[in-house]
Amino acid sequence: MRVVCLAALAAISVSPAVVSFSWAQSLEPPPPPPGMNVPDWALPQSSTHKQVPPPADFHRPSVSFNSAVGQFDGQTDVGGSLVPGSASYDPAGKTYTINSAGYNIWYQRDEFRYLWKKMSGDVSLAASVNWPHMDDFHDRKVVLIFRDSLDDDSRQIMAAQHGSGMVHISWRADKGGQMTDVEYRSARQPHLGTDEKGPQSFHPTRIGIEKKGDQFQLYISWQGEPLHAEGAPVTFRTDGPVYVGIGFTSHLAAQVLTAKVGDVVVENRAGAVR
């Protein structure tokens, strides 16, 4: 039996400054489809190898669909991605399949496919993420997210799992404001390859987030152990009903990728994350 040491790395990030990346060739994202007009700030594969915040006044209207899916009452392409997303639910496998383009869920606005329901009070939300194609773009991410609205720049708090295996809890405290995050990743394992921050970690088994009043707690199962609290809770004020649900972005403005999200728990009480 091989014992893997887990080292949680916490990093607070609030600056809207340019973030530079340098990917190994195998992790290069594909170019956008021919004829697709994608702004340079939304291209992680641009010649500068940088992803920058969108212009301060840039917005696209979200596109909602009056169709329930699984436990959720509606679904929305938040931020009106250049390529529409889609979602379905397999009740036998208790699994959601979410297809989405979208350059990011970050900075002062977001683009992603969102499955949601409106809820008040305490909430427990948990899920297991499965990547059908492990070699897809490493920075794609599934989120368990609470939002004030369906606007692209809504206040929000979320737990996210990246394609690289990194997990974070992050929040946008003000509408149109920048995101803050605390990141966690497992001990480095060089045989799994590299991402922009070094040797790649393995993938958590399950993640969760619990709302108890205005306290939000991240939960992680790294290797199949019961979900356990990771880090300290984050204080995030909510007033009245909020949108609660699961979402996915490919992190590529014009490229649709796929995530599968299984065994979702969404309960209107604290203490039910499992």
C-alpha atoms as a PDB file:
ATOM      1  CA  MET A   1       0.000   0.000   0.000  1.00  0.00           C
ATOM      2  CA  ARG A   2       1.421   3.345  -0.999  1.00  0.00           C
ATOM      3  CA  VAL A   3       0.904   6.161   1.493  1.00  0.00           C
ATOM      4  CA  VAL A   4       0.441   9.567  -0.088  1.00  0.00           C
ATOM      5  CA  CYS A   5       1.217  12.644   1.964  1.00  0.00           C
ATOM      6  CA  LEU A   6      -1.362  15.432   1.628  1.00  0.00           C
ATOM      7  CA  ALA A   7      -0.067  18.983   1.825  1.00  0.00           C
ATOM      8  CA  ALA A   8      -2.725  21.684   1.764  1.00  0.00           C
ATOM      9  CA  LEU A   9      -1.413  24.836   0.125  1.00  0.00           C
ATOM     10  CA  ALA A  10      -3.502  27.925   0.901  1.00  0.00           C
ATOM     11  CA  ALA A  11      -3.061  31.032  -1.237  1.00  0.00           C
ATOM     12  CA  ILE A  12      -5.167  34.188  -0.971  1.00  0.00           C
ATOM     13  CA  SER A  13      -5.572  35.946  -4.321  1.00  0.00           C
ATOM     14  CA  VAL A  14      -7.480  39.180  -4.843  1.00  0.00           C
ATOM     15  CA  SER A  15      -5.474  41.080  -7.426  1.00  0.00           C
ATOM     16  CA  PRO A  16      -6.941  41.619 -10.899  1.00  0.00           C
ATOM     17  CA  ALA A  17      -3.408  41.799 -12.305  1.00  0.00           C
ATOM     18  CA  VAL A  18      -2.426  39.731 -15.315  1.00  0.00           C
ATOM     19  CA  VAL A  19      -1.707  36.095 -14.475  1.00  0.00           C
ATOM     20  CA  SER A  20       0.968  34.440 -16.568  1.00  0.00           C
ATOM     21  CA  PHE A  21       0.959  30.740 -17.439  1.00  0.00           C
ATOM     22  CA  SER A  22       3.500  28.482 -19.066  1.00  0.00           C
ATOM     23  CA  TRP A  23       2.057  25.096 -20.094  1.00  0.00           C
ATOM     24  CA  ALA A  24       3.773  21.965 -21.228  1.00  0.00           C
ATOM     25  CA  GLN A  25       3.035  21.229 -24.871  1.00  0.00           C
ATOM     26  CA  SER A  26       0.675  18.382 -23.947  1.00  0.00           C
ATOM     27  CA  LEU A  27      -1.477  20.805 -21.978  1.00  0.00           C
ATOM     28  CA  GLU A  28      -1.898  23.387 -24.733  1.00  0.00           C
ATOM     29  CA  PRO A  29      -5.581  24.202 -25.275  1.00  0.00           C
ATOM     30  CA  PRO A  30      -6.945  23.878 -28.810  1.00  0.00           C
ATOM     31  CA  PRO A  31      -7.397  26.997 -30.941  1.00  0.00           C
ATOM     32  CA  PRO A  32     -10.915  28.420 -31.339  1.00  0.00           C
ATOM     33  CA  PRO A  33     -13.003  27.173 -34.283  1.00  0.00           C
ATOM     34  CA  PRO A  34     -12.310  28.908 -37.622  1.00  0.00           C
ATOM     35  CA  GLY A  35     -14.253  32.128 -37.996  1.00  0.00           C
ATOM     36  CA  MET A  36     -15.038  32.390 -34.279  1.00  0.00           C
ATOM     37  CA  ASN A  37     -14.237  35.895 -33.052  1.00  0.00           C
ATOM     38  CA  VAL A  38     -12.810  35.388 -29.568  1.00  0.00           C
ATOM     39  CA  PRO A  39     -11.326  38.411 -27.761  1.00  0.00           C
ATOM     40  CA  ASP A  40      -7.663  38.074 -26.861  1.00  0.00           C
ATOM     41  CA  TRP A  41      -8.352  38.414 -23.140  1.00  0.00           C
ATOM     42  CA  ALA A  42     -10.367  35.186 -23.314  1.00  0.00           C
ATOM     43  CA  LEU A  43      -7.616  33.169 -25.049  1.00  0.00           C
ATOM     44  CA  PRO A  44      -5.278  31.301 -22.705  1.00  0.00           C
ATOM     45  CA  GLN A  45      -3.549  30.040 -25.873  1.00  0.00           C
ATOM     46  CA  SER A  46      -2.827  33.560 -27.184  1.00  0.00           C
ATOM     47  CA  SER A  47       0.679  34.440 -28.330  1.00  0.00           C
ATOM     48  CA  THR A  48       1.391  36.064 -24.976  1.00  0.00           C
ATOM     49  CA  HIS A  49       0.386  32.902 -23.060  1.00  0.00           C
ATOM     50  CA  LYS A  50      -1.515  35.074 -20.630  1.00  0.00           C
ATOM     51  CA  GLN A  51      -5.081  35.251 -19.504  1.00  0.00           C
ATOM     52  CA  VAL A  52      -6.187  38.686 -18.418  1.00  0.00           C
ATOM     53  CA  PRO A  53      -9.384  40.066 -16.888  1.00  0.00           C
ATOM     54  CA  PRO A  54     -12.155  41.089 -19.261  1.00  0.00           C
ATOM     55  CA  PRO A  55     -12.588  44.819 -19.834  1.00  0.00           C
ATOM     56  CA  ALA A  56     -14.280  46.443 -16.852  1.00  0.00           C
ATOM     57  CA  ASP A  57     -17.441  47.264 -18.819  1.00  0.00           C
ATOM     58  CA  PHE A  58     -17.720  43.936 -20.712  1.00  0.00           C
ATOM     59  CA  HIS A  59     -20.910  41.930 -20.167  1.00  0.00           C
ATOM     60  CA  ARG A  60     -23.070  39.443 -22.023  1.00  0.00           C
ATOM     61  CA  PRO A  61     -26.634  38.644 -20.944  1.00  0.00           C
ATOM     62  CA  SER A  62     -27.170  35.210 -19.412  1.00  0.00           C
ATOM     63  CA  VAL A  63     -29.462  32.818 -21.303  1.00  0.00           C
ATOM     64  CA  SER A  64     -31.874  30.761 -19.182  1.00  0.00           C
ATOM     65  CA  PHE A  65     -33.931  27.708 -20.099  1.00  0.00           C
ATOM     66  CA  ASN A  66     -37.260  26.836 -18.486  1.00  0.00           C
ATOM     67  CA  SER A  67     -36.347  23.187 -18.081  1.00  0.00           C
ATOM     68  CA  ALA A  68     -35.799  21.310 -14.844  1.00  0.00           C
ATOM     69  CA  VAL A  69     -32.958  18.813 -14.735  1.00  0.00           C
ATOM     70  CA  GLY A  70     -32.611  16.281 -11.936  1.00  0.00           C
ATOM     71  CA  GLN A  71     -32.819  18.016  -8.564  1.00  0.00           C
ATOM     72  CA  PHE A  72     -32.587  21.477 -10.126  1.00  0.00           C
ATOM     73  CA  ASP A  73     -35.398  23.747 -11.271  1.00  0.00           C
ATOM     74  CA  GLY A  74     -33.617  25.547 -14.114  1.00  0.00           C
ATOM     75  CA  GLN A  75     -30.421  25.892 -16.114  1.00  0.00           C
ATOM     76  CA  THR A  76     -28.608  28.909 -17.485  1.00  0.00           C
ATOM     77  CA  ASP A  77     -25.658  29.785 -19.683  1.00  0.00           C
ATOM     78  CA  VAL A  78     -24.345  32.440 -17.322  1.00  0.00           C
ATOM     79  CA  GLY A  79     -22.569  35.173 -19.255  1.00  0.00           C
ATOM     80  CA  GLY A  80     -23.951  34.024 -22.612  1.00  0.00           C
ATOM     81  CA  SER A  81     -21.023  31.839 -23.715  1.00  0.00           C
ATOM     82  CA  LEU A  82     -20.093  32.066 -27.407  1.00  0.00           C
ATOM     83  CA  VAL A  83     -21.121  28.425 -27.808  1.00  0.00           C
ATOM     84  CA  PRO A  84     -24.289  27.329 -25.953  1.00  0.00           C
ATOM     85  CA  GLY A  85     -23.995  24.639 -23.300  1.00  0.00           C
ATOM     86  CA  SER A  86     -26.291  21.764 -22.417  1.00  0.00           C
ATOM     87  CA  ALA A  87     -27.021  19.417 -19.547  1.00  0.00           C
ATOM     88  CA  SER A  88     -28.797  16.142 -18.839  1.00  0.00           C
ATOM     89  CA  TYR A  89     -29.445  13.831 -15.903  1.00  0.00           C
ATOM     90  CA  ASP A  90     -29.212  10.032 -15.740  1.00  0.00           C
ATOM     91  CA  PRO A  91     -31.403   8.928 -12.812  1.00  0.00           C
ATOM     92  CA  ALA A  92     -30.097   5.357 -12.937  1.00  0.00           C
ATOM     93  CA  GLY A  93     -26.500   6.492 -12.498  1.00  0.00           C
ATOM     94  CA  LYS A  94     -27.447   9.582 -10.445  1.00  0.00           C
ATOM     95  CA  THR A  95     -25.140  11.564 -12.726  1.00  0.00           C
ATOM     96  CA  TYR A  96     -25.390  14.939 -14.440  1.00  0.00           C
ATOM     97  CA  THR A  97     -23.581  15.463 -17.743  1.00  0.00           C
ATOM     98  CA  ILE A  98     -22.745  19.126 -18.283  1.00  0.00           C
ATOM     99  CA  ASN A  99     -21.347  20.449 -21.562  1.00  0.00           C
ATOM    100  CA  SER A 100     -20.027  23.992 -21.536  1.00  0.00           C
ATOM    101  CA  ALA A 101     -17.739  26.487 -23.157  1.00  0.00           C
ATOM    102  CA  GLY A 102     -16.898  29.691 -21.286  1.00  0.00           C
ATOM    103  CA  TYR A 103     -13.601  31.419 -20.637  1.00  0.00           C
ATOM    104  CA  ASN A 104     -13.724  31.301 -16.834  1.00  0.00           C
ATOM    105  CA  ILE A 105     -15.618  31.674 -13.562  1.00  0.00           C
ATOM    106  CA  TRP A 106     -13.360  34.363 -12.178  1.00  0.00           C
ATOM    107  CA  TYR A 107     -12.370  38.034 -12.208  1.00  0.00           C
ATOM    108  CA  GLN A 108     -15.451  40.316 -12.250  1.00  0.00           C
ATOM    109  CA  ARG A 109     -17.690  38.181 -14.518  1.00  0.00           C
ATOM    110  CA  ASP A 110     -18.334  34.525 -15.392  1.00  0.00           C
ATOM    111  CA  GLU A 111     -19.179  32.236 -18.303  1.00  0.00           C
ATOM    112  CA  PHE A 112     -20.470  28.746 -17.470  1.00  0.00           C
ATOM    113  CA  ARG A 113     -23.423  26.338 -17.641  1.00  0.00           C
ATOM    114  CA  TYR A 114     -25.336  26.455 -14.358  1.00  0.00           C
ATOM    115  CA  LEU A 115     -27.975  24.056 -12.967  1.00  0.00           C
ATOM    116  CA  TRP A 116     -29.775  25.760 -10.097  1.00  0.00           C
ATOM    117  CA  LYS A 117     -32.655  26.046  -7.671  1.00  0.00           C
ATOM    118  CA  LYS A 118     -33.573  28.960  -5.380  1.00  0.00           C
ATOM    119  CA  MET A 119     -33.152  28.256  -1.684  1.00  0.00           C
ATOM    120  CA  SER A 120     -33.252  30.090   1.648  1.00  0.00           C
ATOM    121  CA  GLY A 121     -31.672  29.238   4.976  1.00  0.00           C
ATOM    122  CA  ASP A 122     -28.988  26.647   5.596  1.00  0.00           C
ATOM    123  CA  VAL A 123     -27.879  24.382   2.732  1.00  0.00           C
ATOM    124  CA  SER A 124     -25.635  21.332   2.314  1.00  0.00           C
ATOM    125  CA  LEU A 125     -24.243  20.775  -1.200  1.00  0.00           C
ATOM    126  CA  ALA A 126     -21.848  17.991  -2.239  1.00  0.00           C
ATOM    127  CA  ALA A 127     -20.894  16.080  -5.390  1.00  0.00           C
ATOM    128  CA  SER A 128     -18.360  13.788  -7.015  1.00  0.00           C
ATOM    129  CA  VAL A 129     -16.651  15.010 -10.196  1.00  0.00           C
ATOM    130  CA  ASN A 130     -15.737  12.679 -13.045  1.00  0.00           C
ATOM    131  CA  TRP A 131     -13.782  13.858 -16.086  1.00  0.00           C
ATOM    132  CA  PRO A 132     -14.732  11.755 -19.140  1.00  0.00           C
ATOM    133  CA  HIS A 133     -11.536  12.873 -20.890  1.00  0.00           C
ATOM    134  CA  MET A 134      -8.691  13.335 -18.432  1.00  0.00           C
ATOM    135  CA  ASP A 135      -6.465  14.963 -21.053  1.00  0.00           C
ATOM    136  CA  ASP A 136      -8.880  17.847 -21.697  1.00  0.00           C
ATOM    137  CA  PHE A 137      -7.750  21.356 -20.768  1.00  0.00           C
ATOM    138  CA  HIS A 138      -6.383  21.197 -17.221  1.00  0.00           C
ATOM    139  CA  ASP A 139      -7.968  24.420 -15.935  1.00  0.00           C
ATOM    140  CA  ARG A 140     -11.582  23.451 -16.647  1.00  0.00           C
ATOM    141  CA  LYS A 141     -13.616  23.395 -13.448  1.00  0.00           C
ATOM    142  CA  VAL A 142     -16.787  22.137 -11.835  1.00  0.00           C
ATOM    143  CA  VAL A 143     -18.302  24.382  -9.178  1.00  0.00           C
ATOM    144  CA  LEU A 144     -20.771  23.988  -6.319  1.00  0.00           C
ATOM    145  CA  ILE A 145     -21.999  27.539  -6.157  1.00  0.00           C
ATOM    146  CA  PHE A 146     -24.303  29.994  -4.375  1.00  0.00           C
ATOM    147  CA  ARG A 147     -25.226  33.183  -6.320  1.00  0.00           C
ATOM    148  CA  ASP A 148     -27.370  36.238  -5.678  1.00  0.00           C
ATOM    149  CA  SER A 149     -28.541  36.306  -9.298  1.00  0.00           C
ATOM    150  CA  LEU A 150     -27.969  34.856 -12.763  1.00  0.00           C
ATOM    151  CA  ASP A 151     -26.122  37.993 -13.939  1.00  0.00           C
ATOM    152  CA  ASP A 152     -22.595  37.368 -15.176  1.00  0.00           C
ATOM    153  CA  ASP A 153     -21.135  39.583 -12.412  1.00  0.00           C
ATOM    154  CA  SER A 154     -23.264  38.361  -9.491  1.00  0.00           C
ATOM    155  CA  ARG A 155     -22.026  38.103  -5.936  1.00  0.00           C
ATOM    156  CA  GLN A 156     -21.192  34.446  -5.307  1.00  0.00           C
ATOM    157  CA  ILE A 157     -19.360  31.882  -3.218  1.00  0.00           C
ATOM    158  CA  MET A 158     -18.318  28.459  -4.482  1.00  0.00           C
ATOM    159  CA  ALA A 159     -16.296  25.303  -4.041  1.00  0.00           C
ATOM    160  CA  ALA A 160     -14.487  24.368  -7.262  1.00  0.00           C
ATOM    161  CA  GLN A 161     -12.560  21.360  -8.529  1.00  0.00           C
ATOM    162  CA  HIS A 162     -10.173  21.944 -11.434  1.00  0.00           C
ATOM    163  CA  GLY A 163      -9.176  19.464 -14.095  1.00  0.00           C
ATOM    164  CA  SER A 164      -5.714  19.485 -12.548  1.00  0.00           C
ATOM    165  CA  GLY A 165      -7.088  18.229  -9.211  1.00  0.00           C
ATOM    166  CA  MET A 166      -6.779  21.512  -7.332  1.00  0.00           C
ATOM    167  CA  VAL A 167      -9.740  22.514  -5.143  1.00  0.00           C
ATOM    168  CA  HIS A 168     -10.576  25.998  -3.936  1.00  0.00           C
ATOM    169  CA  ILE A 169     -13.224  27.938  -2.088  1.00  0.00           C
ATOM    170  CA  SER A 170     -13.694  31.384  -3.605  1.00  0.00           C
ATOM    171  CA  TRP A 171     -16.068  34.317  -3.458  1.00  0.00           C
ATOM    172  CA  ARG A 172     -17.024  37.625  -5.081  1.00  0.00           C
ATOM    173  CA  ALA A 173     -18.028  39.833  -2.178  1.00  0.00           C
ATOM    174  CA  ASP A 174     -19.542  42.632  -4.293  1.00  0.00           C
ATOM    175  CA  LYS A 175     -21.440  42.620  -7.576  1.00  0.00           C
ATOM    176  CA  GLY A 176     -18.884  43.253 -10.317  1.00  0.00           C
ATOM    177  CA  GLY A 177     -15.978  42.859  -7.872  1.00  0.00           C
ATOM    178  CA  GLN A 178     -12.904  40.669  -8.122  1.00  0.00           C
ATOM    179  CA  MET A 179     -12.741  37.127  -6.758  1.00  0.00           C
ATOM    180  CA  THR A 180     -10.862  35.978  -3.662  1.00  0.00           C
ATOM    181  CA  ASP A 181      -9.830  32.347  -3.165  1.00  0.00           C
ATOM    182  CA  VAL A 182      -8.178  29.870  -0.849  1.00  0.00           C
ATOM    183  CA  GLU A 183      -6.614  26.967  -2.764  1.00  0.00           C
ATOM    184  CA  TYR A 184      -5.903  23.383  -1.703  1.00  0.00           C
ATOM    185  CA  ARG A 185      -4.009  20.697  -3.567  1.00  0.00           C
ATOM    186  CA  SER A 186      -2.515  17.355  -2.669  1.00  0.00           C
ATOM    187  CA  ALA A 187       1.194  16.667  -2.310  1.00  0.00           C
ATOM    188  CA  ARG A 188       3.017  16.851  -5.647  1.00  0.00           C
ATOM    189  CA  GLN A 189       3.230  13.636  -7.648  1.00  0.00           C
ATOM    190  CA  PRO A 190       5.633  14.093 -10.583  1.00  0.00           C
ATOM    191  CA  HIS A 191       4.487  10.905 -12.369  1.00  0.00           C
ATOM    192  CA  LEU A 192       1.088  12.533 -12.986  1.00  0.00           C
ATOM    193  CA  GLY A 193       2.545  15.269 -15.192  1.00  0.00           C
ATOM    194  CA  THR A 194       2.679  19.023 -14.722  1.00  0.00           C
ATOM    195  CA  ASP A 195       0.356  21.972 -14.679  1.00  0.00           C
ATOM    196  CA  GLU A 196       1.125  25.694 -14.596  1.00  0.00           C
ATOM    197  CA  LYS A 197       2.091  25.495 -10.923  1.00  0.00           C
ATOM    198  CA  GLY A 198       4.298  22.405 -11.094  1.00  0.00           C
ATOM    199  CA  PRO A 199       3.833  18.629 -10.878  1.00  0.00           C
ATOM    200  CA  GLN A 200       0.184  17.682 -10.993  1.00  0.00           C
ATOM    201  CA  SER A 201      -1.798  16.454  -8.009  1.00  0.00           C
ATOM    202  CA  PHE A 202      -4.198  13.539  -7.972  1.00  0.00           C
ATOM    203  CA  HIS A 203      -7.929  14.189  -8.087  1.00  0.00           C
ATOM    204  CA  PRO A 204     -10.102  14.431  -4.980  1.00  0.00           C
ATOM    205  CA  THR A 205     -12.852  11.874  -4.647  1.00  0.00           C
ATOM    206  CA  ARG A 206     -15.576  14.295  -3.579  1.00  0.00           C
ATOM    207  CA  ILE A 207     -16.125  17.936  -2.601  1.00  0.00           C
ATOM    208  CA  GLY A 208     -18.802  19.811  -0.697  1.00  0.00           C
ATOM    209  CA  ILE A 209     -19.772  23.199   0.680  1.00  0.00           C
ATOM    210  CA  GLU A 210     -22.094  23.938   3.591  1.00  0.00           C
ATOM    211  CA  LYS A 211     -23.998  27.147   4.301  1.00  0.00           C
ATOM    212  CA  LYS A 212     -24.783  27.664   7.971  1.00  0.00           C
ATOM    213  CA  GLY A 213     -26.100  31.179   8.448  1.00  0.00           C
ATOM    214  CA  ASP A 214     -23.472  33.366   6.797  1.00  0.00           C
ATOM    215  CA  GLN A 215     -20.674  30.820   7.345  1.00  0.00           C
ATOM    216  CA  PHE A 216     -19.583  28.684   4.374  1.00  0.00           C
ATOM    217  CA  GLN A 217     -17.392  25.649   4.970  1.00  0.00           C
ATOM    218  CA  LEU A 218     -15.444  23.737   2.309  1.00  0.00           C
ATOM    219  CA  TYR A 219     -15.359  19.919   2.529  1.00  0.00           C
ATOM    220  CA  ILE A 220     -13.016  17.558   0.660  1.00  0.00           C
ATOM    221  CA  SER A 221     -12.474  13.815   0.421  1.00  0.00           C
ATOM    222  CA  TRP A 222      -8.992  13.383  -0.993  1.00  0.00           C
ATOM    223  CA  GLN A 223      -8.799   9.582  -1.190  1.00  0.00           C
ATOM    224  CA  GLY A 224     -12.268   8.238  -0.499  1.00  0.00           C
ATOM    225  CA  GLU A 225     -12.334   8.981   3.215  1.00  0.00           C
ATOM    226  CA  PRO A 226     -15.512  10.632   4.575  1.00  0.00           C
ATOM    227  CA  LEU A 227     -15.883  14.280   3.580  1.00  0.00           C
ATOM    228  CA  HIS A 228     -14.145  16.479   6.128  1.00  0.00           C
ATOM    229  CA  ALA A 229     -13.842  20.224   6.665  1.00  0.00           C
ATOM    230  CA  GLU A 230     -10.816  21.771   4.934  1.00  0.00           C
ATOM    231  CA  GLY A 231      -9.622  25.111   6.269  1.00  0.00           C
ATOM    232  CA  ALA A 232     -11.657  27.648   8.179  1.00  0.00           C
ATOM    233  CA  PRO A 233     -15.204  28.692   7.230  1.00  0.00           C
ATOM    234  CA  VAL A 234     -15.646  31.840   5.138  1.00  0.00           C
ATOM    235  CA  THR A 235     -18.097  34.546   6.181  1.00  0.00           C
ATOM    236  CA  PHE A 236     -20.270  35.572   3.229  1.00  0.00           C
ATOM    237  CA  ARG A 237     -23.489  37.536   3.782  1.00  0.00           C
ATOM    238  CA  THR A 238     -26.683  36.461   2.052  1.00  0.00           C
ATOM    239  CA  ASP A 239     -30.089  38.170   2.074  1.00  0.00           C
ATOM    240  CA  GLY A 240     -33.149  36.134   1.196  1.00  0.00           C
ATOM    241  CA  PRO A 241     -33.257  33.335  -1.388  1.00  0.00           C
ATOM    242  CA  VAL A 242     -30.121  32.584  -3.410  1.00  0.00           C
ATOM    243  CA  TYR A 243     -29.438  30.444  -6.468  1.00  0.00           C
ATOM    244  CA  VAL A 244     -27.831  27.148  -5.398  1.00  0.00           C
ATOM    245  CA  GLY A 245     -26.461  24.530  -7.747  1.00  0.00           C
ATOM    246  CA  ILE A 246     -23.707  22.989  -9.820  1.00  0.00           C
ATOM    247  CA  GLY A 247     -21.895  24.409 -12.824  1.00  0.00           C
ATOM    248  CA  PHE A 248     -19.076  23.771 -15.255  1.00  0.00           C
ATOM    249  CA  THR A 249     -16.831  25.858 -17.494  1.00  0.00           C
ATOM    250  CA  SER A 250     -14.297  24.573 -20.006  1.00  0.00           C
ATOM    251  CA  HIS A 251     -12.122  27.672 -19.382  1.00  0.00           C
ATOM    252  CA  LEU A 252     -12.056  27.998 -23.181  1.00  0.00           C
ATOM    253  CA  ALA A 253     -14.256  30.731 -24.599  1.00  0.00           C
ATOM    254  CA  ALA A 254     -15.337  28.860 -27.741  1.00  0.00           C
ATOM    255  CA  GLN A 255     -14.622  25.205 -26.914  1.00  0.00           C
ATOM    256  CA  VAL A 256     -17.245  22.938 -25.361  1.00  0.00           C
ATOM    257  CA  LEU A 257     -15.893  20.315 -22.949  1.00  0.00           C
ATOM    258  CA  THR A 258     -17.760  17.848 -20.753  1.00  0.00           C
ATOM    259  CA  ALA A 259     -17.906  17.078 -17.033  1.00  0.00           C
ATOM    260  CA  LYS A 260     -19.917  14.454 -15.193  1.00  0.00           C
ATOM    261  CA  VAL A 261     -21.127  15.291 -11.689  1.00  0.00           C
ATOM    262  CA  GLY A 262     -22.494  12.417  -9.629  1.00  0.00           C
ATOM    263  CA  ASP A 263     -24.256  11.634  -6.350  1.00  0.00           C
ATOM    264  CA  VAL A 264     -25.256  15.252  -5.780  1.00  0.00           C
ATOM    265  CA  VAL A 265     -26.511  16.133  -2.313  1.00  0.00           C
ATOM    266  CA  VAL A 266     -28.526  19.362  -2.092  1.00  0.00           C
ATOM    267  CA  GLU A 267     -30.449  19.646   1.162  1.00  0.00           C
ATOM    268  CA  ASN A 268     -32.054  22.598   2.925  1.00  0.00           C
ATOM    269  CA  ARG A 269     -30.172  22.138   6.179  1.00  0.00           C
ATOM    270  CA  ALA A 270     -26.646  22.254   7.523  1.00  0.00           C
ATOM    271  CA  GLY A 271     -24.867  19.075   8.587  1.00  0.00           C
ATOM    272  CA  ALA A 272     -25.976  16.979   5.601  1.00  0.00           C
ATOM    273  CA  VAL A 273     -22.771  17.158   3.506  1.00  0.00           C
ATOM    274  CA  ARG A 274     -21.813  13.548   2.781  1.00  0.00           C
END
